[in-house]
Amino acid sequence: MKNIRLSTIVILMFLTFNLFGQETFDINEVINLNNQLRKSKNYNPLQSDSILDKMAYLHAYEMATKSFFAHQNPHNPSLATLKKRAEYLNFNYTVIAENIAYFSGNVNDLKQPLGHLFFNQWKKSKPHYKNMMIKEATRVGLSCVKIDKNGVSYYYAVQVIGNL
């Protein structure tokens, strides 16, 4: 059953990337910014993790398509919390945390790349900064989903930090 769900997620990811796009969000750049910050404290770098990418995507997609912005998903009980999303994707963690961010408007009007905007928001927020600086964390997953409604672009970003 879980293999079927995971296959469905991969298919949905492919379809929605084409529908919503991620052309303005450089995941590798955000990982590099995280690792520069972590290096300043002599913490190990974070490595991209495909399961955490899927977990981040699931939540970003749900927020974008169901028009909510929160760590808890009020529309889907099986994906309601970060813990449930980890269980859904069989991610057996010892440490896990989540950062979310949101932007609406024209990214061409920004003075910095969208990924930098989200990273800087997380860095300035004590709880989000704390998540990025979990010493034991070794993995990271990122996603940003764009959706257009009534001529306005909305971007929902999710960063999941964890360890196996």
N, C-alpha and C. Protein backbone atom coordinates (compact mmCIF):
# COMPACT_ATOMS: atom_id res chain seq x y z
N MET A 1 0.82 -1.19 0.00
CA MET A 1 0.00 0.00 0.00
C MET A 1 0.86 1.26 0.00
N LYS A 2 1.93 1.28 0.83
CA LYS A 2 2.77 2.47 0.89
C LYS A 2 3.55 2.65 -0.40
N ASN A 3 3.93 1.57 -1.09
CA ASN A 3 4.61 1.71 -2.37
C ASN A 3 3.70 2.36 -3.40
N ILE A 4 2.42 2.03 -3.37
CA ILE A 4 1.46 2.64 -4.29
C ILE A 4 1.33 4.13 -3.98
N ARG A 5 1.24 4.48 -2.70
CA ARG A 5 1.13 5.89 -2.32
C ARG A 5 2.37 6.66 -2.75
N LEU A 6 3.55 6.08 -2.55
CA LEU A 6 4.78 6.74 -2.93
C LEU A 6 4.84 6.93 -4.43
N SER A 7 4.41 5.95 -5.22
CA SER A 7 4.38 6.09 -6.67
C SER A 7 3.43 7.21 -7.07
N THR A 8 2.30 7.28 -6.41
CA THR A 8 1.34 8.34 -6.70
C THR A 8 1.94 9.70 -6.40
N ILE A 9 2.69 9.80 -5.32
CA ILE A 9 3.35 11.07 -4.96
C ILE A 9 4.33 11.47 -6.05
N VAL A 10 5.13 10.53 -6.52
CA VAL A 10 6.12 10.84 -7.56
C VAL A 10 5.42 11.32 -8.82
N ILE A 11 4.33 10.66 -9.21
CA ILE A 11 3.57 11.08 -10.39
C ILE A 11 2.99 12.47 -10.16
N LEU A 12 2.41 12.71 -9.00
CA LEU A 12 1.86 14.03 -8.69
C LEU A 12 2.95 15.09 -8.73
N MET A 13 4.14 14.77 -8.19
CA MET A 13 5.24 15.73 -8.21
C MET A 13 5.58 16.10 -9.64
N PHE A 14 5.67 15.11 -10.53
CA PHE A 14 6.00 15.38 -11.92
C PHE A 14 4.94 16.27 -12.56
N LEU A 15 3.69 15.94 -12.34
CA LEU A 15 2.62 16.71 -12.95
C LEU A 15 2.56 18.13 -12.41
N THR A 16 2.70 18.29 -11.11
CA THR A 16 2.55 19.62 -10.55
C THR A 16 3.77 20.49 -10.82
N PHE A 17 4.96 19.93 -10.93
CA PHE A 17 6.10 20.75 -11.31
C PHE A 17 5.81 21.39 -12.65
N ASN A 18 5.20 20.64 -13.56
CA ASN A 18 4.87 21.19 -14.87
C ASN A 18 3.76 22.23 -14.77
N LEU A 19 2.80 22.03 -13.87
CA LEU A 19 1.70 22.97 -13.74
C LEU A 19 2.10 24.24 -12.99
N PHE A 20 2.80 24.08 -11.89
CA PHE A 20 3.08 25.21 -11.03
C PHE A 20 4.50 25.74 -11.16
N GLY A 21 5.45 24.90 -11.47
CA GLY A 21 6.82 25.33 -11.69
C GLY A 21 7.59 25.63 -10.42
N GLN A 22 8.88 25.60 -10.54
CA GLN A 22 9.78 25.98 -9.46
C GLN A 22 10.96 26.76 -10.03
N GLU A 23 10.74 27.45 -11.12
CA GLU A 23 11.82 28.07 -11.85
C GLU A 23 12.56 29.15 -11.07
N THR A 24 11.96 29.67 -10.02
CA THR A 24 12.57 30.78 -9.30
C THR A 24 13.16 30.36 -7.96
N PHE A 25 13.19 29.10 -7.66
CA PHE A 25 13.64 28.63 -6.35
C PHE A 25 14.78 27.65 -6.54
N ASP A 26 15.99 28.07 -6.22
CA ASP A 26 17.18 27.24 -6.40
C ASP A 26 17.44 26.47 -5.10
N ILE A 27 17.05 25.20 -5.08
CA ILE A 27 17.18 24.37 -3.88
C ILE A 27 18.62 24.25 -3.44
N ASN A 28 19.52 24.03 -4.39
CA ASN A 28 20.94 23.88 -4.04
C ASN A 28 21.51 25.14 -3.40
N GLU A 29 21.06 26.29 -3.87
CA GLU A 29 21.52 27.55 -3.27
C GLU A 29 21.06 27.66 -1.82
N VAL A 30 19.83 27.26 -1.54
CA VAL A 30 19.32 27.32 -0.17
C VAL A 30 20.09 26.34 0.73
N ILE A 31 20.40 25.16 0.20
CA ILE A 31 21.20 24.20 0.97
C ILE A 31 22.58 24.79 1.26
N ASN A 32 23.18 25.45 0.26
CA ASN A 32 24.49 26.08 0.46
C ASN A 32 24.42 27.17 1.53
N LEU A 33 23.36 27.97 1.52
CA LEU A 33 23.20 29.00 2.55
C LEU A 33 23.07 28.37 3.93
N ASN A 34 22.29 27.29 4.03
CA ASN A 34 22.17 26.56 5.30
C ASN A 34 23.54 26.08 5.76
N ASN A 35 24.29 25.50 4.84
CA ASN A 35 25.58 24.92 5.22
C ASN A 35 26.61 25.98 5.59
N GLN A 36 26.56 27.15 4.97
CA GLN A 36 27.45 28.25 5.37
C GLN A 36 27.14 28.66 6.80
N LEU A 37 25.86 28.75 7.12
CA LEU A 37 25.43 29.11 8.47
C LEU A 37 25.89 28.05 9.47
N ARG A 38 25.69 26.80 9.13
CA ARG A 38 26.07 25.71 10.02
C ARG A 38 27.59 25.64 10.20
N LYS A 39 28.33 25.94 9.14
CA LYS A 39 29.80 25.91 9.20
C LYS A 39 30.32 26.95 10.20
N SER A 40 29.60 28.07 10.32
CA SER A 40 30.03 29.12 11.26
C SER A 40 29.99 28.63 12.71
N LYS A 41 29.24 27.56 12.96
CA LYS A 41 29.16 26.96 14.31
C LYS A 41 29.88 25.62 14.37
N ASN A 42 30.63 25.30 13.32
CA ASN A 42 31.35 24.03 13.21
C ASN A 42 30.41 22.82 13.24
N TYR A 43 29.21 22.98 12.67
CA TYR A 43 28.26 21.88 12.56
C TYR A 43 28.46 21.19 11.22
N ASN A 44 28.13 19.92 11.18
CA ASN A 44 28.23 19.17 9.93
C ASN A 44 27.26 19.75 8.90
N PRO A 45 27.65 19.67 7.62
CA PRO A 45 26.75 20.17 6.57
C PRO A 45 25.54 19.27 6.40
N LEU A 46 24.48 19.84 5.86
CA LEU A 46 23.28 19.09 5.52
C LEU A 46 23.39 18.59 4.10
N GLN A 47 22.94 17.37 3.87
CA GLN A 47 22.91 16.81 2.53
C GLN A 47 21.47 16.65 2.09
N SER A 48 21.24 16.89 0.82
CA SER A 48 19.90 16.74 0.26
C SER A 48 19.43 15.30 0.42
N ASP A 49 18.17 15.13 0.79
CA ASP A 49 17.59 13.81 0.99
C ASP A 49 16.30 13.73 0.19
N SER A 50 16.20 12.73 -0.68
CA SER A 50 15.04 12.65 -1.58
C SER A 50 13.73 12.41 -0.81
N ILE A 51 13.77 11.67 0.28
CA ILE A 51 12.54 11.46 1.05
C ILE A 51 12.10 12.76 1.72
N LEU A 52 13.06 13.51 2.26
CA LEU A 52 12.71 14.79 2.88
C LEU A 52 12.25 15.80 1.82
N ASP A 53 12.82 15.71 0.60
CA ASP A 53 12.33 16.55 -0.50
C ASP A 53 10.85 16.25 -0.77
N LYS A 54 10.50 14.97 -0.80
CA LYS A 54 9.11 14.57 -1.04
C LYS A 54 8.21 15.04 0.10
N MET A 55 8.71 14.94 1.33
CA MET A 55 7.94 15.38 2.48
C MET A 55 7.69 16.89 2.40
N ALA A 56 8.73 17.64 2.04
CA ALA A 56 8.59 19.09 1.90
C ALA A 56 7.61 19.42 0.77
N TYR A 57 7.74 18.69 -0.32
CA TYR A 57 6.85 18.92 -1.46
C TYR A 57 5.39 18.63 -1.11
N LEU A 58 5.16 17.52 -0.43
CA LEU A 58 3.79 17.18 -0.04
C LEU A 58 3.13 18.32 0.72
N HIS A 59 3.85 18.88 1.67
CA HIS A 59 3.24 19.93 2.49
C HIS A 59 3.11 21.23 1.71
N ALA A 60 4.12 21.58 0.91
CA ALA A 60 4.03 22.80 0.10
C ALA A 60 2.87 22.70 -0.88
N TYR A 61 2.73 21.54 -1.51
CA TYR A 61 1.65 21.32 -2.47
C TYR A 61 0.28 21.41 -1.80
N GLU A 62 0.15 20.80 -0.64
CA GLU A 62 -1.12 20.85 0.10
C GLU A 62 -1.46 22.30 0.48
N MET A 63 -0.46 23.04 0.97
CA MET A 63 -0.73 24.44 1.35
C MET A 63 -1.15 25.26 0.13
N ALA A 64 -0.45 25.07 -0.99
CA ALA A 64 -0.74 25.85 -2.19
C ALA A 64 -2.11 25.53 -2.76
N THR A 65 -2.43 24.27 -2.86
CA THR A 65 -3.68 23.88 -3.53
C THR A 65 -4.90 23.98 -2.62
N LYS A 66 -4.67 23.98 -1.31
CA LYS A 66 -5.81 24.05 -0.38
C LYS A 66 -5.85 25.37 0.38
N SER A 67 -4.99 26.30 -0.04
CA SER A 67 -5.01 27.68 0.47
C SER A 67 -4.95 27.80 1.99
N PHE A 68 -3.92 27.21 2.58
CA PHE A 68 -3.66 27.43 4.00
C PHE A 68 -2.16 27.61 4.19
N PHE A 69 -1.77 28.19 5.29
CA PHE A 69 -0.35 28.38 5.60
C PHE A 69 -0.15 28.06 7.07
N ALA A 70 0.31 26.84 7.34
CA ALA A 70 0.49 26.39 8.72
C ALA A 70 1.31 25.11 8.71
N HIS A 71 1.93 24.80 9.84
CA HIS A 71 2.65 23.54 9.97
C HIS A 71 1.68 22.36 10.02
N GLN A 72 0.49 22.58 10.52
CA GLN A 72 -0.52 21.52 10.60
C GLN A 72 -1.44 21.61 9.39
N ASN A 73 -1.72 20.47 8.79
CA ASN A 73 -2.61 20.41 7.63
C ASN A 73 -4.03 20.10 8.11
N PRO A 74 -4.93 21.08 8.05
CA PRO A 74 -6.29 20.85 8.54
C PRO A 74 -7.16 20.07 7.55
N HIS A 75 -6.67 19.83 6.35
CA HIS A 75 -7.48 19.22 5.29
C HIS A 75 -7.21 17.74 5.05
N ASN A 76 -6.12 17.22 5.57
CA ASN A 76 -5.74 15.84 5.27
C ASN A 76 -5.19 15.17 6.54
N PRO A 77 -6.01 14.42 7.25
CA PRO A 77 -5.58 13.81 8.52
C PRO A 77 -4.33 12.93 8.40
N SER A 78 -4.16 12.25 7.27
CA SER A 78 -2.98 11.37 7.14
C SER A 78 -1.70 12.17 6.95
N LEU A 79 -1.81 13.46 6.63
CA LEU A 79 -0.63 14.33 6.47
C LEU A 79 -0.69 15.52 7.41
N ALA A 80 -1.46 15.40 8.49
CA ALA A 80 -1.76 16.53 9.35
C ALA A 80 -0.54 17.15 10.02
N THR A 81 0.41 16.32 10.42
CA THR A 81 1.58 16.82 11.15
C THR A 81 2.86 16.36 10.48
N LEU A 82 3.95 16.97 10.86
CA LEU A 82 5.26 16.56 10.33
C LEU A 82 5.53 15.09 10.66
N LYS A 83 5.19 14.68 11.87
CA LYS A 83 5.38 13.29 12.27
C LYS A 83 4.57 12.35 11.36
N LYS A 84 3.33 12.71 11.06
CA LYS A 84 2.50 11.86 10.19
C LYS A 84 3.03 11.84 8.77
N ARG A 85 3.57 12.98 8.30
CA ARG A 85 4.15 12.99 6.96
C ARG A 85 5.40 12.10 6.91
N ALA A 86 6.18 12.10 7.98
CA ALA A 86 7.36 11.23 8.05
C ALA A 86 6.95 9.76 8.05
N GLU A 87 5.93 9.42 8.81
CA GLU A 87 5.42 8.05 8.84
C GLU A 87 4.89 7.65 7.46
N TYR A 88 4.17 8.54 6.82
CA TYR A 88 3.58 8.28 5.50
C TYR A 88 4.66 7.91 4.48
N LEU A 89 5.83 8.55 4.60
CA LEU A 89 6.93 8.30 3.65
C LEU A 89 7.98 7.35 4.21
N ASN A 90 7.68 6.70 5.34
CA ASN A 90 8.61 5.75 5.96
C ASN A 90 9.97 6.36 6.27
N PHE A 91 9.98 7.59 6.73
CA PHE A 91 11.24 8.23 7.12
C PHE A 91 11.42 8.02 8.61
N ASN A 92 12.33 7.12 8.97
CA ASN A 92 12.59 6.78 10.37
C ASN A 92 13.68 7.71 10.91
N TYR A 93 13.27 8.74 11.55
CA TYR A 93 14.17 9.80 11.99
C TYR A 93 14.53 9.67 13.47
N THR A 94 15.64 10.29 13.83
CA THR A 94 15.94 10.50 15.24
C THR A 94 15.69 11.97 15.59
N VAL A 95 15.82 12.83 14.57
CA VAL A 95 15.57 14.26 14.71
C VAL A 95 14.83 14.71 13.46
N ILE A 96 13.81 15.56 13.64
CA ILE A 96 13.11 16.12 12.47
C ILE A 96 12.49 17.46 12.86
N ALA A 97 12.55 18.41 11.92
CA ALA A 97 11.97 19.74 12.14
C ALA A 97 11.55 20.30 10.78
N GLU A 98 10.70 21.31 10.83
CA GLU A 98 10.16 21.86 9.59
C GLU A 98 10.09 23.38 9.65
N ASN A 99 10.47 24.01 8.55
CA ASN A 99 10.30 25.46 8.37
C ASN A 99 9.40 25.68 7.16
N ILE A 100 8.49 26.65 7.28
CA ILE A 100 7.64 26.99 6.15
C ILE A 100 7.78 28.49 5.89
N ALA A 101 7.54 28.88 4.64
CA ALA A 101 7.58 30.29 4.27
C ALA A 101 6.62 30.52 3.11
N TYR A 102 6.28 31.79 2.91
CA TYR A 102 5.26 32.12 1.94
C TYR A 102 5.58 33.48 1.32
N PHE A 103 5.32 33.61 0.04
CA PHE A 103 5.48 34.89 -0.65
C PHE A 103 4.40 35.00 -1.70
N SER A 104 3.82 36.18 -1.85
CA SER A 104 2.89 36.41 -2.95
C SER A 104 3.34 37.65 -3.69
N GLY A 105 3.27 37.57 -5.00
CA GLY A 105 3.65 38.71 -5.83
C GLY A 105 4.54 38.30 -6.97
N ASN A 106 5.21 39.27 -7.53
CA ASN A 106 6.09 39.07 -8.67
C ASN A 106 7.53 38.91 -8.18
N VAL A 107 8.12 37.76 -8.42
CA VAL A 107 9.49 37.53 -7.94
C VAL A 107 10.49 38.45 -8.63
N ASN A 108 10.14 38.98 -9.80
CA ASN A 108 11.03 39.91 -10.49
C ASN A 108 11.15 41.24 -9.74
N ASP A 109 10.23 41.51 -8.83
CA ASP A 109 10.28 42.73 -8.03
C ASP A 109 11.17 42.57 -6.79
N LEU A 110 11.58 41.35 -6.48
CA LEU A 110 12.41 41.10 -5.31
C LEU A 110 13.83 41.61 -5.54
N LYS A 111 14.48 42.03 -4.46
CA LYS A 111 15.87 42.48 -4.54
C LYS A 111 16.85 41.34 -4.33
N GLN A 112 16.32 40.16 -4.10
CA GLN A 112 17.14 38.96 -3.89
C GLN A 112 16.39 37.77 -4.45
N PRO A 113 17.11 36.68 -4.74
CA PRO A 113 16.41 35.48 -5.23
C PRO A 113 15.41 34.97 -4.18
N LEU A 114 14.36 34.32 -4.64
CA LEU A 114 13.31 33.84 -3.75
C LEU A 114 13.86 32.92 -2.66
N GLY A 115 14.76 32.02 -3.02
CA GLY A 115 15.36 31.13 -2.02
C GLY A 115 16.08 31.90 -0.92
N HIS A 116 16.77 32.98 -1.29
CA HIS A 116 17.45 33.82 -0.30
C HIS A 116 16.43 34.50 0.62
N LEU A 117 15.32 34.95 0.03
CA LEU A 117 14.28 35.58 0.83
C LEU A 117 13.77 34.62 1.90
N PHE A 118 13.43 33.40 1.49
CA PHE A 118 12.93 32.42 2.45
C PHE A 118 14.00 32.07 3.48
N PHE A 119 15.24 31.83 3.04
CA PHE A 119 16.32 31.51 3.98
C PHE A 119 16.49 32.63 5.00
N ASN A 120 16.51 33.88 4.54
CA ASN A 120 16.70 35.00 5.45
C ASN A 120 15.54 35.15 6.43
N GLN A 121 14.32 34.85 5.97
CA GLN A 121 13.18 34.86 6.90
C GLN A 121 13.37 33.82 7.98
N TRP A 122 13.78 32.62 7.58
CA TRP A 122 14.01 31.55 8.56
C TRP A 122 15.15 31.91 9.51
N LYS A 123 16.19 32.49 8.97
CA LYS A 123 17.36 32.84 9.79
C LYS A 123 17.00 33.89 10.85
N LYS A 124 16.11 34.82 10.52
CA LYS A 124 15.73 35.89 11.45
C LYS A 124 14.70 35.46 12.49
N SER A 125 14.08 34.32 12.28
CA SER A 125 13.07 33.81 13.21
C SER A 125 13.74 32.81 14.17
N LYS A 126 13.66 33.06 15.46
CA LYS A 126 14.33 32.19 16.43
C LYS A 126 13.95 30.72 16.29
N PRO A 127 12.64 30.37 16.20
CA PRO A 127 12.31 28.94 16.08
C PRO A 127 12.82 28.31 14.77
N HIS A 128 12.76 29.07 13.68
CA HIS A 128 13.22 28.54 12.39
C HIS A 128 14.75 28.42 12.37
N TYR A 129 15.42 29.43 12.93
CA TYR A 129 16.88 29.39 13.03
C TYR A 129 17.30 28.17 13.86
N LYS A 130 16.61 27.96 14.96
CA LYS A 130 16.91 26.81 15.82
C LYS A 130 16.78 25.50 15.04
N ASN A 131 15.74 25.40 14.19
CA ASN A 131 15.58 24.20 13.37
C ASN A 131 16.76 24.01 12.42
N MET A 132 17.19 25.08 11.77
CA MET A 132 18.31 24.97 10.83
C MET A 132 19.61 24.61 11.53
N MET A 133 19.67 24.92 12.83
CA MET A 133 20.90 24.72 13.57
C MET A 133 20.83 23.51 14.51
N ILE A 134 19.98 22.57 14.24
CA ILE A 134 19.97 21.33 15.02
C ILE A 134 21.30 20.62 14.74
N LYS A 135 22.10 20.51 15.76
CA LYS A 135 23.47 20.00 15.58
C LYS A 135 23.49 18.59 15.01
N GLU A 136 22.56 17.74 15.44
CA GLU A 136 22.55 16.34 15.02
C GLU A 136 22.01 16.14 13.61
N ALA A 137 21.41 17.15 13.03
CA ALA A 137 20.81 17.02 11.71
C ALA A 137 21.89 16.82 10.64
N THR A 138 21.59 15.95 9.69
CA THR A 138 22.53 15.69 8.59
C THR A 138 21.84 15.75 7.23
N ARG A 139 20.52 15.82 7.22
CA ARG A 139 19.76 15.76 5.97
C ARG A 139 18.81 16.95 5.88
N VAL A 140 18.49 17.30 4.63
CA VAL A 140 17.54 18.39 4.40
C VAL A 140 16.73 18.10 3.15
N GLY A 141 15.48 18.49 3.18
CA GLY A 141 14.62 18.42 2.01
C GLY A 141 13.96 19.77 1.82
N LEU A 142 13.84 20.19 0.57
CA LEU A 142 13.27 21.50 0.27
C LEU A 142 12.31 21.41 -0.89
N SER A 143 11.31 22.26 -0.86
CA SER A 143 10.40 22.37 -1.99
C SER A 143 9.75 23.74 -1.96
N CYS A 144 9.42 24.23 -3.14
CA CYS A 144 8.66 25.46 -3.27
C CYS A 144 7.64 25.25 -4.38
N VAL A 145 6.39 25.46 -4.06
CA VAL A 145 5.32 25.28 -5.03
C VAL A 145 4.72 26.65 -5.34
N LYS A 146 4.61 26.94 -6.61
CA LYS A 146 4.01 28.18 -7.09
C LYS A 146 2.62 27.87 -7.64
N ILE A 147 1.68 28.71 -7.28
CA ILE A 147 0.34 28.59 -7.84
C ILE A 147 -0.15 30.00 -8.17
N ASP A 148 -0.82 30.13 -9.29
CA ASP A 148 -1.37 31.42 -9.70
C ASP A 148 -2.88 31.42 -9.49
N LYS A 149 -3.35 32.48 -8.82
CA LYS A 149 -4.80 32.65 -8.59
C LYS A 149 -5.15 34.11 -8.85
N ASN A 150 -6.12 34.30 -9.70
CA ASN A 150 -6.60 35.65 -9.98
C ASN A 150 -5.48 36.61 -10.39
N GLY A 151 -4.54 36.12 -11.16
CA GLY A 151 -3.46 36.96 -11.65
C GLY A 151 -2.33 37.22 -10.66
N VAL A 152 -2.36 36.57 -9.50
CA VAL A 152 -1.32 36.74 -8.48
C VAL A 152 -0.60 35.42 -8.29
N SER A 153 0.73 35.47 -8.20
CA SER A 153 1.53 34.27 -7.95
C SER A 153 1.75 34.11 -6.45
N TYR A 154 1.54 32.89 -5.98
CA TYR A 154 1.76 32.54 -4.57
C TYR A 154 2.81 31.44 -4.52
N TYR A 155 3.79 31.61 -3.62
CA TYR A 155 4.87 30.64 -3.47
C TYR A 155 4.86 30.12 -2.04
N TYR A 156 4.80 28.80 -1.91
CA TYR A 156 4.81 28.14 -0.60
C TYR A 156 6.08 27.30 -0.52
N ALA A 157 6.94 27.60 0.44
CA ALA A 157 8.20 26.88 0.59
C ALA A 157 8.20 26.09 1.89
N VAL A 158 8.79 24.91 1.81
CA VAL A 158 8.94 24.06 3.00
C VAL A 158 10.35 23.52 3.04
N GLN A 159 10.95 23.57 4.21
CA GLN A 159 12.27 22.99 4.46
C GLN A 159 12.10 21.99 5.60
N VAL A 160 12.53 20.74 5.36
CA VAL A 160 12.48 19.72 6.40
C VAL A 160 13.92 19.32 6.71
N ILE A 161 14.27 19.39 7.99
CA ILE A 161 15.63 19.07 8.45
C ILE A 161 15.52 17.83 9.32
N GLY A 162 16.42 16.87 9.11
CA GLY A 162 16.32 15.66 9.90
C GLY A 162 17.59 14.86 9.95
N ASN A 163 17.46 13.69 10.52
CA ASN A 163 18.57 12.76 10.69
C ASN A 163 17.97 11.36 10.72
N LEU A 164 18.71 10.42 10.23
CA LEU A 164 18.27 9.03 10.27
C LEU A 164 18.77 8.36 11.53
